[in-house]
């Protein structure tokens, strides 16, 4: 399997996993914390979290299909950067926890950068 395909699978898997498990199957306490810090009541927080989960699953599927497109990788980089900034602003203590957005988002951004570089060659 090529490094390009590994990057494709890892990025798609991350979006799918983070959409399905901590948002749709079971709303993780950290997801609730982030939403409540935005000032939403619990029921609205849960709804927004579920909608975000559906969006992440959709993005994961779209990324899997269209990973060769420059725009898809740029959108991935922008989304992951904005999500990282949002956590840094709303719940900065999460940046030093185990399995935090720094250690997940930055490698995914790097994989998209590699996919961007590959798309410019071919």
PDB file of N, CA and C in Angstrom:
ATOM      1  N   UNK A   1       0.857  -1.178   0.000  1.00  0.00           N
ATOM      2  CA  UNK A   1       0.000   0.000   0.000  1.00  0.00           C
ATOM      3  C   UNK A   1       0.903   1.241   0.000  1.00  0.00           C
ATOM      4  N   UNK A   2       0.549   2.204  -0.817  1.00  0.00           N
ATOM      5  CA  UNK A   2       1.365   3.417  -0.929  1.00  0.00           C
ATOM      6  C   UNK A   2       1.120   4.359   0.247  1.00  0.00           C
ATOM      7  N   UNK A   3       2.067   5.262   0.453  1.00  0.00           N
ATOM      8  CA  UNK A   3       1.923   6.250   1.524  1.00  0.00           C
ATOM      9  C   UNK A   3       0.730   7.169   1.255  1.00  0.00           C
ATOM     10  N   UNK A   4       0.436   7.397  -0.005  1.00  0.00           N
ATOM     11  CA  UNK A   4      -0.724   8.235  -0.362  1.00  0.00           C
ATOM     12  C   UNK A   4      -2.014   7.553   0.094  1.00  0.00           C
ATOM     13  N   UNK A   5      -2.125   6.262  -0.139  1.00  0.00           N
ATOM     14  CA  UNK A   5      -3.324   5.542   0.285  1.00  0.00           C
ATOM     15  C   UNK A   5      -3.417   5.469   1.808  1.00  0.00           C
ATOM     16  N   UNK A   6      -2.280   5.320   2.466  1.00  0.00           N
ATOM     17  CA  UNK A   6      -2.289   5.319   3.937  1.00  0.00           C
ATOM     18  C   UNK A   6      -2.806   6.657   4.450  1.00  0.00           C
ATOM     19  N   UNK A   7      -2.323   7.765   3.883  1.00  0.00           N
ATOM     20  CA  UNK A   7      -2.795   9.099   4.281  1.00  0.00           C
ATOM     21  C   UNK A   7      -4.295   9.225   4.049  1.00  0.00           C
ATOM     22  N   UNK A   8      -4.746   8.756   2.895  1.00  0.00           N
ATOM     23  CA  UNK A   8      -6.175   8.804   2.565  1.00  0.00           C
ATOM     24  C   UNK A   8      -6.995   8.043   3.602  1.00  0.00           C
ATOM     25  N   UNK A   9      -6.594   6.812   3.911  1.00  0.00           N
ATOM     26  CA  UNK A   9      -7.340   5.984   4.847  1.00  0.00           C
ATOM     27  C   UNK A   9      -7.322   6.559   6.261  1.00  0.00           C
ATOM     28  N   UNK A  10      -6.186   7.051   6.687  1.00  0.00           N
ATOM     29  CA  UNK A  10      -6.073   7.583   8.048  1.00  0.00           C
ATOM     30  C   UNK A  10      -6.942   8.831   8.215  1.00  0.00           C
ATOM     31  N   UNK A  11      -6.879   9.750   7.262  1.00  0.00           N
ATOM     32  CA  UNK A  11      -7.698  10.970   7.355  1.00  0.00           C
ATOM     33  C   UNK A  11      -9.177  10.620   7.328  1.00  0.00           C
ATOM     34  N   UNK A  12      -9.581   9.778   6.387  1.00  0.00           N
ATOM     35  CA  UNK A  12     -11.000   9.386   6.299  1.00  0.00           C
ATOM     36  C   UNK A  12     -11.460   8.686   7.573  1.00  0.00           C
ATOM     37  N   UNK A  13     -10.634   7.751   8.058  1.00  0.00           N
ATOM     38  CA  UNK A  13     -10.974   7.023   9.273  1.00  0.00           C
ATOM     39  C   UNK A  13     -11.144   7.973  10.458  1.00  0.00           C
ATOM     40  N   UNK A  14     -10.249   8.945  10.586  1.00  0.00           N
ATOM     41  CA  UNK A  14     -10.322   9.881  11.721  1.00  0.00           C
ATOM     42  C   UNK A  14     -11.639  10.655  11.701  1.00  0.00           C
ATOM     43  N   UNK A  15     -12.014  11.179  10.539  1.00  0.00           N
ATOM     44  CA  UNK A  15     -13.276  11.911  10.449  1.00  0.00           C
ATOM     45  C   UNK A  15     -14.463  11.003  10.755  1.00  0.00           C
ATOM     46  N   UNK A  16     -14.453   9.799  10.202  1.00  0.00           N
ATOM     47  CA  UNK A  16     -15.555   8.864  10.443  1.00  0.00           C
ATOM     48  C   UNK A  16     -15.636   8.485  11.926  1.00  0.00           C
ATOM     49  N   UNK A  17     -14.520   8.117  12.495  1.00  0.00           N
ATOM     50  CA  UNK A  17     -14.502   7.690  13.890  1.00  0.00           C
ATOM     51  C   UNK A  17     -14.965   8.813  14.817  1.00  0.00           C
ATOM     52  N   UNK A  18     -14.402  10.011  14.626  1.00  0.00           N
ATOM     53  CA  UNK A  18     -14.746  11.132  15.504  1.00  0.00           C
ATOM     54  C   UNK A  18     -16.171  11.625  15.289  1.00  0.00           C
ATOM     55  N   UNK A  19     -16.736  11.336  14.145  1.00  0.00           N
ATOM     56  CA  UNK A  19     -18.139  11.661  13.923  1.00  0.00           C
ATOM     57  C   UNK A  19     -19.066  10.634  14.537  1.00  0.00           C
ATOM     58  N   UNK A  20     -18.695   9.362  14.408  1.00  0.00           N
ATOM     59  CA  UNK A  20     -19.593   8.289  14.850  1.00  0.00           C
ATOM     60  C   UNK A  20     -19.563   8.082  16.363  1.00  0.00           C
ATOM     61  N   UNK A  21     -18.391   7.820  16.929  1.00  0.00           N
ATOM     62  CA  UNK A  21     -18.352   7.344  18.312  1.00  0.00           C
ATOM     63  C   UNK A  21     -18.504   8.423  19.384  1.00  0.00           C
ATOM     64  N   UNK A  22     -17.728   9.505  19.387  1.00  0.00           N
ATOM     65  CA  UNK A  22     -17.929  10.460  20.483  1.00  0.00           C
ATOM     66  C   UNK A  22     -19.071  11.456  20.236  1.00  0.00           C
ATOM     67  N   UNK A  23     -19.768  11.317  19.101  1.00  0.00           N
ATOM     68  CA  UNK A  23     -20.846  12.270  18.822  1.00  0.00           C
ATOM     69  C   UNK A  23     -22.185  11.591  18.542  1.00  0.00           C
ATOM     70  N   UNK A  24     -22.199  10.503  17.791  1.00  0.00           N
ATOM     71  CA  UNK A  24     -23.469   9.883  17.407  1.00  0.00           C
ATOM     72  C   UNK A  24     -23.830   8.683  18.271  1.00  0.00           C
ATOM     73  N   UNK A  25     -22.909   7.761  18.464  1.00  0.00           N
ATOM     74  CA  UNK A  25     -23.197   6.572  19.270  1.00  0.00           C
ATOM     75  C   UNK A  25     -23.360   6.953  20.737  1.00  0.00           C
ATOM     76  N   UNK A  26     -22.439   7.769  21.219  1.00  0.00           N
ATOM     77  CA  UNK A  26     -22.457   8.215  22.613  1.00  0.00           C
ATOM     78  C   UNK A  26     -21.811   9.597  22.642  1.00  0.00           C
ATOM     79  N   UNK A  27     -22.544  10.579  23.141  1.00  0.00           N
ATOM     80  CA  UNK A  27     -21.971  11.919  23.224  1.00  0.00           C
ATOM     81  C   UNK A  27     -20.964  11.924  24.375  1.00  0.00           C
ATOM     82  N   UNK A  28     -19.690  12.068  24.007  1.00  0.00           N
ATOM     83  CA  UNK A  28     -18.606  12.035  24.987  1.00  0.00           C
ATOM     84  C   UNK A  28     -18.670  13.261  25.901  1.00  0.00           C
ATOM     85  N   UNK A  29     -18.301  13.096  27.162  1.00  0.00           N
ATOM     86  CA  UNK A  29     -18.314  14.227  28.098  1.00  0.00           C
ATOM     87  C   UNK A  29     -17.485  15.418  27.599  1.00  0.00           C
ATOM     88  N   UNK A  30     -16.389  15.151  26.927  1.00  0.00           N
ATOM     89  CA  UNK A  30     -15.564  16.256  26.409  1.00  0.00           C
ATOM     90  C   UNK A  30     -16.323  17.035  25.342  1.00  0.00           C
ATOM     91  N   UNK A  31     -17.087  16.334  24.518  1.00  0.00           N
ATOM     92  CA  UNK A  31     -17.903  17.022  23.507  1.00  0.00           C
ATOM     93  C   UNK A  31     -18.935  17.913  24.191  1.00  0.00           C
ATOM     94  N   UNK A  32     -19.561  17.411  25.247  1.00  0.00           N
ATOM     95  CA  UNK A  32     -20.527  18.208  26.023  1.00  0.00           C
ATOM     96  C   UNK A  32     -19.847  19.422  26.640  1.00  0.00           C
ATOM     97  N   UNK A  33     -18.654  19.224  27.180  1.00  0.00           N
ATOM     98  CA  UNK A  33     -17.900  20.315  27.802  1.00  0.00           C
ATOM     99  C   UNK A  33     -17.608  21.422  26.794  1.00  0.00           C
ATOM    100  N   UNK A  34     -17.156  21.034  25.628  1.00  0.00           N
ATOM    101  CA  UNK A  34     -16.823  22.027  24.596  1.00  0.00           C
ATOM    102  C   UNK A  34     -18.067  22.796  24.180  1.00  0.00           C
ATOM    103  N   UNK A  35     -19.166  22.092  23.952  1.00  0.00           N
ATOM    104  CA  UNK A  35     -20.401  22.758  23.528  1.00  0.00           C
ATOM    105  C   UNK A  35     -20.967  23.646  24.636  1.00  0.00           C
ATOM    106  N   UNK A  36     -20.926  23.178  25.860  1.00  0.00           N
ATOM    107  CA  UNK A  36     -21.462  23.999  26.952  1.00  0.00           C
ATOM    108  C   UNK A  36     -20.609  25.240  27.176  1.00  0.00           C
ATOM    109  N   UNK A  37     -19.304  25.136  26.892  1.00  0.00           N
ATOM    110  CA  UNK A  37     -18.448  26.319  27.049  1.00  0.00           C
ATOM    111  C   UNK A  37     -18.747  27.363  25.979  1.00  0.00           C
ATOM    112  N   UNK A  38     -19.448  26.945  24.931  1.00  0.00           N
ATOM    113  CA  UNK A  38     -19.885  27.898  23.910  1.00  0.00           C
ATOM    114  C   UNK A  38     -21.183  28.596  24.338  1.00  0.00           C
ATOM    115  N   UNK A  39     -21.737  28.162  25.486  1.00  0.00           N
ATOM    116  CA  UNK A  39     -22.910  28.836  26.038  1.00  0.00           C
ATOM    117  C   UNK A  39     -24.239  28.197  25.679  1.00  0.00           C
ATOM    118  N   UNK A  40     -24.223  27.018  25.081  1.00  0.00           N
ATOM    119  CA  UNK A  40     -25.468  26.350  24.705  1.00  0.00           C
ATOM    120  C   UNK A  40     -26.002  25.528  25.872  1.00  0.00           C
ATOM    121  N   UNK A  41     -27.344  25.500  26.051  1.00  0.00           N
ATOM    122  CA  UNK A  41     -27.920  24.606  27.057  1.00  0.00           C
ATOM    123  C   UNK A  41     -27.687  23.142  26.650  1.00  0.00           C
ATOM    124  N   UNK A  42     -27.813  22.224  27.604  1.00  0.00           N
ATOM    125  CA  UNK A  42     -27.480  20.816  27.369  1.00  0.00           C
ATOM    126  C   UNK A  42     -28.224  20.191  26.190  1.00  0.00           C
ATOM    127  N   UNK A  43     -29.528  20.428  26.088  1.00  0.00           N
ATOM    128  CA  UNK A  43     -30.275  19.793  25.001  1.00  0.00           C
ATOM    129  C   UNK A  43     -29.850  20.322  23.630  1.00  0.00           C
ATOM    130  N   UNK A  44     -29.575  21.612  23.551  1.00  0.00           N
ATOM    131  CA  UNK A  44     -29.105  22.204  22.293  1.00  0.00           C
ATOM    132  C   UNK A  44     -27.674  21.741  22.013  1.00  0.00           C
ATOM    133  N   UNK A  45     -26.858  21.631  23.056  1.00  0.00           N
ATOM    134  CA  UNK A  45     -25.482  21.138  22.902  1.00  0.00           C
ATOM    135  C   UNK A  45     -25.471  19.738  22.309  1.00  0.00           C
ATOM    136  N   UNK A  46     -26.354  18.888  22.820  1.00  0.00           N
ATOM    137  CA  UNK A  46     -26.427  17.516  22.321  1.00  0.00           C
ATOM    138  C   UNK A  46     -26.861  17.497  20.861  1.00  0.00           C
ATOM    139  N   UNK A  47     -27.840  18.309  20.506  1.00  0.00           N
ATOM    140  CA  UNK A  47     -28.308  18.376  19.127  1.00  0.00           C
ATOM    141  C   UNK A  47     -27.193  18.867  18.198  1.00  0.00           C
ATOM    142  N   UNK A  48     -26.510  19.928  18.586  1.00  0.00           N
ATOM    143  CA  UNK A  48     -25.414  20.461  17.772  1.00  0.00           C
ATOM    144  C   UNK A  48     -24.302  19.416  17.630  1.00  0.00           C
ATOM    145  N   UNK A  49     -24.013  18.710  18.709  1.00  0.00           N
ATOM    146  CA  UNK A  49     -22.987  17.672  18.674  1.00  0.00           C
ATOM    147  C   UNK A  49     -23.376  16.563  17.706  1.00  0.00           C
ATOM    148  N   UNK A  50     -24.624  16.150  17.731  1.00  0.00           N
ATOM    149  CA  UNK A  50     -25.098  15.097  16.813  1.00  0.00           C
ATOM    150  C   UNK A  50     -25.036  15.581  15.355  1.00  0.00           C
ATOM    151  N   UNK A  51     -25.426  16.821  15.123  1.00  0.00           N
ATOM    152  CA  UNK A  51     -25.345  17.386  13.770  1.00  0.00           C
ATOM    153  C   UNK A  51     -23.894  17.440  13.311  1.00  0.00           C
ATOM    154  N   UNK A  52     -23.010  17.847  14.213  1.00  0.00           N
ATOM    155  CA  UNK A  52     -21.578  17.878  13.888  1.00  0.00           C
ATOM    156  C   UNK A  52     -21.082  16.469  13.562  1.00  0.00           C
ATOM    157  N   UNK A  53     -21.561  15.474  14.296  1.00  0.00           N
ATOM    158  CA  UNK A  53     -21.183  14.087  14.026  1.00  0.00           C
ATOM    159  C   UNK A  53     -21.583  13.648  12.629  1.00  0.00           C
ATOM    160  N   UNK A  54     -22.803  13.995  12.236  1.00  0.00           N
ATOM    161  CA  UNK A  54     -23.263  13.661  10.878  1.00  0.00           C
ATOM    162  C   UNK A  54     -22.383  14.367   9.850  1.00  0.00           C
ATOM    163  N   UNK A  55     -22.071  15.634  10.108  1.00  0.00           N
ATOM    164  CA  UNK A  55     -21.201  16.383   9.200  1.00  0.00           C
ATOM    165  C   UNK A  55     -19.819  15.761   9.086  1.00  0.00           C
ATOM    166  N   UNK A  56     -19.274  15.297  10.204  1.00  0.00           N
ATOM    167  CA  UNK A  56     -17.955  14.671  10.176  1.00  0.00           C
ATOM    168  C   UNK A  56     -17.981  13.353   9.408  1.00  0.00           C
ATOM    169  N   UNK A  57     -19.034  12.581   9.582  1.00  0.00           N
ATOM    170  CA  UNK A  57     -19.159  11.332   8.830  1.00  0.00           C
ATOM    171  C   UNK A  57     -19.254  11.638   7.338  1.00  0.00           C
ATOM    172  N   UNK A  58     -20.067  12.603   6.993  1.00  0.00           N
ATOM    173  CA  UNK A  58     -20.192  12.985   5.575  1.00  0.00           C
ATOM    174  C   UNK A  58     -18.846  13.449   5.017  1.00  0.00           C
ATOM    175  N   UNK A  59     -18.124  14.268   5.784  1.00  0.00           N
ATOM    176  CA  UNK A  59     -16.828  14.745   5.322  1.00  0.00           C
ATOM    177  C   UNK A  59     -15.850  13.582   5.155  1.00  0.00           C
ATOM    178  N   UNK A  60     -15.879  12.626   6.088  1.00  0.00           N
ATOM    179  CA  UNK A  60     -15.004  11.456   5.991  1.00  0.00           C
ATOM    180  C   UNK A  60     -15.252  10.660   4.724  1.00  0.00           C
ATOM    181  N   UNK A  61     -16.522  10.467   4.387  1.00  0.00           N
ATOM    182  CA  UNK A  61     -16.877   9.740   3.160  1.00  0.00           C
ATOM    183  C   UNK A  61     -16.438  10.537   1.934  1.00  0.00           C
ATOM    184  N   UNK A  62     -16.726  11.834   1.936  1.00  0.00           N
ATOM    185  CA  UNK A  62     -16.328  12.683   0.802  1.00  0.00           C
ATOM    186  C   UNK A  62     -14.816  12.730   0.644  1.00  0.00           C
ATOM    187  N   UNK A  63     -14.112  12.804   1.772  1.00  0.00           N
ATOM    188  CA  UNK A  63     -12.657  12.828   1.692  1.00  0.00           C
ATOM    189  C   UNK A  63     -12.140  11.523   1.098  1.00  0.00           C
ATOM    190  N   UNK A  64     -12.702  10.407   1.513  1.00  0.00           N
ATOM    191  CA  UNK A  64     -12.281   9.111   0.988  1.00  0.00           C
ATOM    192  C   UNK A  64     -12.438   9.064  -0.528  1.00  0.00           C
ATOM    193  N   UNK A  65     -13.526   9.639  -1.019  1.00  0.00           N
ATOM    194  CA  UNK A  65     -13.809   9.603  -2.458  1.00  0.00           C
ATOM    195  C   UNK A  65     -12.998  10.634  -3.248  1.00  0.00           C
ATOM    196  N   UNK A  66     -12.790  11.799  -2.677  1.00  0.00           N
ATOM    197  CA  UNK A  66     -12.205  12.918  -3.429  1.00  0.00           C
ATOM    198  C   UNK A  66     -10.858  13.382  -2.876  1.00  0.00           C
ATOM    199  N   UNK A  67     -10.102  12.487  -2.271  1.00  0.00           N
ATOM    200  CA  UNK A  67      -8.834  12.840  -1.638  1.00  0.00           C
ATOM    201  C   UNK A  67      -7.801  13.417  -2.603  1.00  0.00           C
ATOM    202  N   UNK A  68      -7.960  13.179  -3.886  1.00  0.00           N
ATOM    203  CA  UNK A  68      -6.982  13.673  -4.869  1.00  0.00           C
ATOM    204  C   UNK A  68      -7.194  15.151  -5.207  1.00  0.00           C
ATOM    205  N   UNK A  69      -8.335  15.691  -4.824  1.00  0.00           N
ATOM    206  CA  UNK A  69      -8.649  17.071  -5.170  1.00  0.00           C
ATOM    207  C   UNK A  69      -7.998  18.046  -4.191  1.00  0.00           C
ATOM    208  N   UNK A  70      -7.359  19.041  -4.753  1.00  0.00           N
ATOM    209  CA  UNK A  70      -6.674  20.062  -3.957  1.00  0.00           C
ATOM    210  C   UNK A  70      -7.642  20.728  -2.969  1.00  0.00           C
ATOM    211  N   UNK A  71      -8.823  21.070  -3.440  1.00  0.00           N
ATOM    212  CA  UNK A  71      -9.806  21.761  -2.601  1.00  0.00           C
ATOM    213  C   UNK A  71     -10.200  20.919  -1.384  1.00  0.00           C
ATOM    214  N   UNK A  72     -10.311  19.615  -1.558  1.00  0.00           N
ATOM    215  CA  UNK A  72     -10.693  18.748  -0.442  1.00  0.00           C
ATOM    216  C   UNK A  72      -9.602  18.752   0.636  1.00  0.00           C
ATOM    217  N   UNK A  73      -8.362  18.733   0.221  1.00  0.00           N
ATOM    218  CA  UNK A  73      -7.264  18.747   1.192  1.00  0.00           C
ATOM    219  C   UNK A  73      -7.122  20.107   1.857  1.00  0.00           C
ATOM    220  N   UNK A  74      -7.337  21.161   1.109  1.00  0.00           N
ATOM    221  CA  UNK A  74      -7.300  22.505   1.708  1.00  0.00           C
ATOM    222  C   UNK A  74      -8.434  22.645   2.718  1.00  0.00           C
ATOM    223  N   UNK A  75      -9.612  22.156   2.358  1.00  0.00           N
ATOM    224  CA  UNK A  75     -10.754  22.199   3.282  1.00  0.00           C
ATOM    225  C   UNK A  75     -10.455  21.388   4.544  1.00  0.00           C
ATOM    226  N   UNK A  76      -9.821  20.248   4.384  1.00  0.00           N
ATOM    227  CA  UNK A  76      -9.441  19.429   5.534  1.00  0.00           C
ATOM    228  C   UNK A  76      -8.471  20.185   6.442  1.00  0.00           C
ATOM    229  N   UNK A  77      -7.467  20.800   5.858  1.00  0.00           N
ATOM    230  CA  UNK A  77      -6.483  21.551   6.638  1.00  0.00           C
ATOM    231  C   UNK A  77      -7.145  22.721   7.370  1.00  0.00           C
ATOM    232  N   UNK A  78      -7.999  23.438   6.685  1.00  0.00           N
ATOM    233  CA  UNK A  78      -8.701  24.574   7.300  1.00  0.00           C
ATOM    234  C   UNK A  78      -9.590  24.085   8.447  1.00  0.00           C
ATOM    235  N   UNK A  79     -10.370  23.032   8.206  1.00  0.00           N
ATOM    236  CA  UNK A  79     -11.287  22.528   9.233  1.00  0.00           C
ATOM    237  C   UNK A  79     -10.527  22.059  10.469  1.00  0.00           C
ATOM    238  N   UNK A  80      -9.454  21.301  10.267  1.00  0.00           N
ATOM    239  CA  UNK A  80      -8.694  20.792  11.408  1.00  0.00           C
ATOM    240  C   UNK A  80      -8.002  21.918  12.173  1.00  0.00           C
ATOM    241  N   UNK A  81      -7.538  22.916  11.444  1.00  0.00           N
ATOM    242  CA  UNK A  81      -6.907  24.071  12.091  1.00  0.00           C
ATOM    243  C   UNK A  81      -7.935  24.851  12.910  1.00  0.00           C
ATOM    244  N   UNK A  82      -9.108  25.095  12.324  1.00  0.00           N
ATOM    245  CA  UNK A  82     -10.155  25.821  13.044  1.00  0.00           C
ATOM    246  C   UNK A  82     -10.650  25.054  14.264  1.00  0.00           C
ATOM    247  N   UNK A  83     -10.779  23.736  14.132  1.00  0.00           N
ATOM    248  CA  UNK A  83     -11.193  22.931  15.288  1.00  0.00           C
ATOM    249  C   UNK A  83     -10.149  22.981  16.398  1.00  0.00           C
ATOM    250  N   UNK A  84      -8.884  22.956  16.026  1.00  0.00           N
ATOM    251  CA  UNK A  84      -7.811  23.058  17.009  1.00  0.00           C
ATOM    252  C   UNK A  84      -7.837  24.420  17.707  1.00  0.00           C
ATOM    253  N   UNK A  85      -8.042  25.470  16.949  1.00  0.00           N
ATOM    254  CA  UNK A  85      -8.129  26.824  17.521  1.00  0.00           C
ATOM    255  C   UNK A  85      -9.351  26.937  18.434  1.00  0.00           C
ATOM    256  N   UNK A  86     -10.465  26.356  18.010  1.00  0.00           N
ATOM    257  CA  UNK A  86     -11.684  26.416  18.830  1.00  0.00           C
ATOM    258  C   UNK A  86     -11.456  25.766  20.192  1.00  0.00           C
ATOM    259  N   UNK A  87     -10.805  24.625  20.207  1.00  0.00           N
ATOM    260  CA  UNK A  87     -10.510  23.964  21.480  1.00  0.00           C
ATOM    261  C   UNK A  87      -9.547  24.822  22.301  1.00  0.00           C
ATOM    262  N   UNK A  88      -8.544  25.393  21.651  1.00  0.00           N
ATOM    263  CA  UNK A  88      -7.564  26.231  22.359  1.00  0.00           C
ATOM    264  C   UNK A  88      -8.231  27.433  23.012  1.00  0.00           C
ATOM    265  N   UNK A  89      -9.242  27.976  22.377  1.00  0.00           N
ATOM    266  CA  UNK A  89      -9.937  29.148  22.911  1.00  0.00           C
ATOM    267  C   UNK A  89     -10.952  28.746  23.987  1.00  0.00           C
ATOM    268  N   UNK A  90     -11.743  27.700  23.714  1.00  0.00           N
ATOM    269  CA  UNK A  90     -12.845  27.351  24.611  1.00  0.00           C
ATOM    270  C   UNK A  90     -12.437  26.458  25.782  1.00  0.00           C
ATOM    271  N   UNK A  91     -11.502  25.536  25.550  1.00  0.00           N
ATOM    272  CA  UNK A  91     -11.089  24.596  26.599  1.00  0.00           C
ATOM    273  C   UNK A  91      -9.593  24.318  26.476  1.00  0.00           C
ATOM    274  N   UNK A  92      -8.744  25.320  26.719  1.00  0.00           N
ATOM    275  CA  UNK A  92      -7.302  25.144  26.488  1.00  0.00           C
ATOM    276  C   UNK A  92      -6.667  24.014  27.291  1.00  0.00           C
ATOM    277  N   UNK A  93      -7.243  23.661  28.435  1.00  0.00           N
ATOM    278  CA  UNK A  93      -6.674  22.584  29.232  1.00  0.00           C
ATOM    279  C   UNK A  93      -6.716  21.245  28.493  1.00  0.00           C
ATOM    280  N   UNK A  94      -7.612  21.116  27.510  1.00  0.00           N
ATOM    281  CA  UNK A  94      -7.693  19.868  26.746  1.00  0.00           C
ATOM    282  C   UNK A  94      -6.472  19.647  25.852  1.00  0.00           C
ATOM    283  N   UNK A  95      -5.726  20.709  25.592  1.00  0.00           N
ATOM    284  CA  UNK A  95      -4.552  20.592  24.721  1.00  0.00           C
ATOM    285  C   UNK A  95      -3.403  19.826  25.363  1.00  0.00           C
ATOM    286  N   UNK A  96      -3.466  19.634  26.669  1.00  0.00           N
ATOM    287  CA  UNK A  96      -2.393  18.892  27.344  1.00  0.00           C
ATOM    288  C   UNK A  96      -2.877  17.544  27.880  1.00  0.00           C
ATOM    289  N   UNK A  97      -4.100  17.180  27.574  1.00  0.00           N
ATOM    290  CA  UNK A  97      -4.630  15.876  27.979  1.00  0.00           C
ATOM    291  C   UNK A  97      -4.104  14.789  27.042  1.00  0.00           C
ATOM    292  N   UNK A  98      -4.231  13.546  27.456  1.00  0.00           N
ATOM    293  CA  UNK A  98      -3.865  12.426  26.591  1.00  0.00           C
ATOM    294  C   UNK A  98      -4.793  12.404  25.371  1.00  0.00           C
ATOM    295  N   UNK A  99      -4.259  12.014  24.236  1.00  0.00           N
ATOM    296  CA  UNK A  99      -5.034  11.908  22.988  1.00  0.00           C
ATOM    297  C   UNK A  99      -5.783  13.202  22.682  1.00  0.00           C
ATOM    298  N   UNK A 100      -5.042  14.285  22.669  1.00  0.00           N
ATOM    299  CA  UNK A 100      -5.625  15.614  22.531  1.00  0.00           C
ATOM    300  C   UNK A 100      -5.639  16.083  21.075  1.00  0.00           C
ATOM    301  N   UNK A 101      -6.309  17.207  20.793  1.00  0.00           N
ATOM    302  CA  UNK A 101      -6.389  17.712  19.427  1.00  0.00           C
ATOM    303  C   UNK A 101      -5.038  18.060  18.793  1.00  0.00           C
ATOM    304  N   UNK A 102      -4.052  18.366  19.604  1.00  0.00           N
ATOM    305  CA  UNK A 102      -2.729  18.665  19.044  1.00  0.00           C
ATOM    306  C   UNK A 102      -2.155  17.409  18.397  1.00  0.00           C
ATOM    307  N   UNK A 103      -2.247  16.289  19.121  1.00  0.00           N
ATOM    308  CA  UNK A 103      -1.649  15.050  18.618  1.00  0.00           C
ATOM    309  C   UNK A 103      -2.500  14.355  17.571  1.00  0.00           C
ATOM    310  N   UNK A 104      -3.749  14.765  17.411  1.00  0.00           N
ATOM    311  CA  UNK A 104      -4.575  14.190  16.343  1.00  0.00           C
ATOM    312  C   UNK A 104      -4.647  15.107  15.132  1.00  0.00           C
ATOM    313  N   UNK A 105      -4.910  16.379  15.342  1.00  0.00           N
ATOM    314  CA  UNK A 105      -5.114  17.281  14.211  1.00  0.00           C
ATOM    315  C   UNK A 105      -3.840  17.571  13.422  1.00  0.00           C
ATOM    316  N   UNK A 106      -2.735  17.790  14.104  1.00  0.00           N
ATOM    317  CA  UNK A 106      -1.504  18.148  13.390  1.00  0.00           C
ATOM    318  C   UNK A 106      -1.036  17.014  12.468  1.00  0.00           C
ATOM    319  N   UNK A 107      -1.020  15.751  12.908  1.00  0.00           N
ATOM    320  CA  UNK A 107      -0.656  14.697  11.955  1.00  0.00           C
ATOM    321  C   UNK A 107      -1.615  14.589  10.774  1.00  0.00           C
ATOM    322  N   UNK A 108      -2.907  14.806  11.010  1.00  0.00           N
ATOM    323  CA  UNK A 108      -3.868  14.755   9.904  1.00  0.00           C
ATOM    324  C   UNK A 108      -3.645  15.910   8.934  1.00  0.00           C
ATOM    325  N   UNK A 109      -3.290  17.066   9.459  1.00  0.00           N
ATOM    326  CA  UNK A 109      -2.937  18.206   8.603  1.00  0.00           C
ATOM    327  C   UNK A 109      -1.699  17.856   7.780  1.00  0.00           C
ATOM    328  N   UNK A 110      -0.724  17.225   8.411  1.00  0.00           N
ATOM    329  CA  UNK A 110       0.503  16.828   7.697  1.00  0.00           C
ATOM    330  C   UNK A 110       0.183  15.830   6.581  1.00  0.00           C
ATOM    331  N   UNK A 111      -0.692  14.881   6.850  1.00  0.00           N
ATOM    332  CA  UNK A 111      -1.084  13.927   5.806  1.00  0.00           C
ATOM    333  C   UNK A 111      -1.748  14.649   4.633  1.00  0.00           C
ATOM    334  N   UNK A 112      -2.606  15.617   4.921  1.00  0.00           N
ATOM    335  CA  UNK A 112      -3.241  16.377   3.838  1.00  0.00           C
ATOM    336  C   UNK A 112      -2.214  17.177   3.055  1.00  0.00           C
ATOM    337  N   UNK A 113      -1.221  17.692   3.754  1.00  0.00           N
ATOM    338  CA  UNK A 113      -0.140  18.412   3.070  1.00  0.00           C
ATOM    339  C   UNK A 113       0.576  17.476   2.096  1.00  0.00           C
ATOM    340  N   UNK A 114       0.838  16.250   2.523  1.00  0.00           N
ATOM    341  CA  UNK A 114       1.473  15.275   1.632  1.00  0.00           C
ATOM    342  C   UNK A 114       0.586  14.961   0.426  1.00  0.00           C
ATOM    343  N   UNK A 115      -0.707  14.836   0.665  1.00  0.00           N
ATOM    344  CA  UNK A 115      -1.631  14.600  -0.449  1.00  0.00           C
ATOM    345  C   UNK A 115      -1.671  15.788  -1.403  1.00  0.00           C
ATOM    346  N   UNK A 116      -1.591  16.988  -0.868  1.00  0.00           N
ATOM    347  CA  UNK A 116      -1.528  18.191  -1.706  1.00  0.00           C
ATOM    348  C   UNK A 116      -0.271  18.179  -2.574  1.00  0.00           C
ATOM    349  N   UNK A 117       0.843  17.862  -1.968  1.00  0.00           N
ATOM    350  CA  UNK A 117       2.118  17.812  -2.709  1.00  0.00           C
ATOM    351  C   UNK A 117       2.046  16.751  -3.809  1.00  0.00           C
ATOM    352  N   UNK A 118       1.442  15.610  -3.508  1.00  0.00           N
ATOM    353  CA  UNK A 118       1.309  14.550  -4.493  1.00  0.00           C
ATOM    354  C   UNK A 118       0.404  14.969  -5.652  1.00  0.00           C
ATOM    355  N   UNK A 119      -0.668  15.690  -5.340  1.00  0.00           N
ATOM    356  CA  UNK A 119      -1.597  16.118  -6.403  1.00  0.00           C
ATOM    357  C   UNK A 119      -0.967  17.141  -7.337  1.00  0.00           C
ATOM    358  N   UNK A 120       0.012  17.883  -6.845  1.00  0.00           N
ATOM    359  CA  UNK A 120       0.689  18.885  -7.679  1.00  0.00           C
ATOM    360  C   UNK A 120       1.675  18.224  -8.632  1.00  0.00           C
ATOM    361  N   UNK A 121       2.146  17.029  -8.285  1.00  0.00           N
ATOM    362  CA  UNK A 121       3.080  16.315  -9.155  1.00  0.00           C
ATOM    363  C   UNK A 121       2.362  15.665 -10.328  1.00  0.00           C
ATOM    364  N   UNK A 122       1.149  15.186 -10.085  1.00  0.00           N
ATOM    365  CA  UNK A 122       0.477  14.417 -11.129  1.00  0.00           C
ATOM    366  C   UNK A 122      -0.595  15.188 -11.718  1.00  0.00           C
TER     367      UNK A 122
END
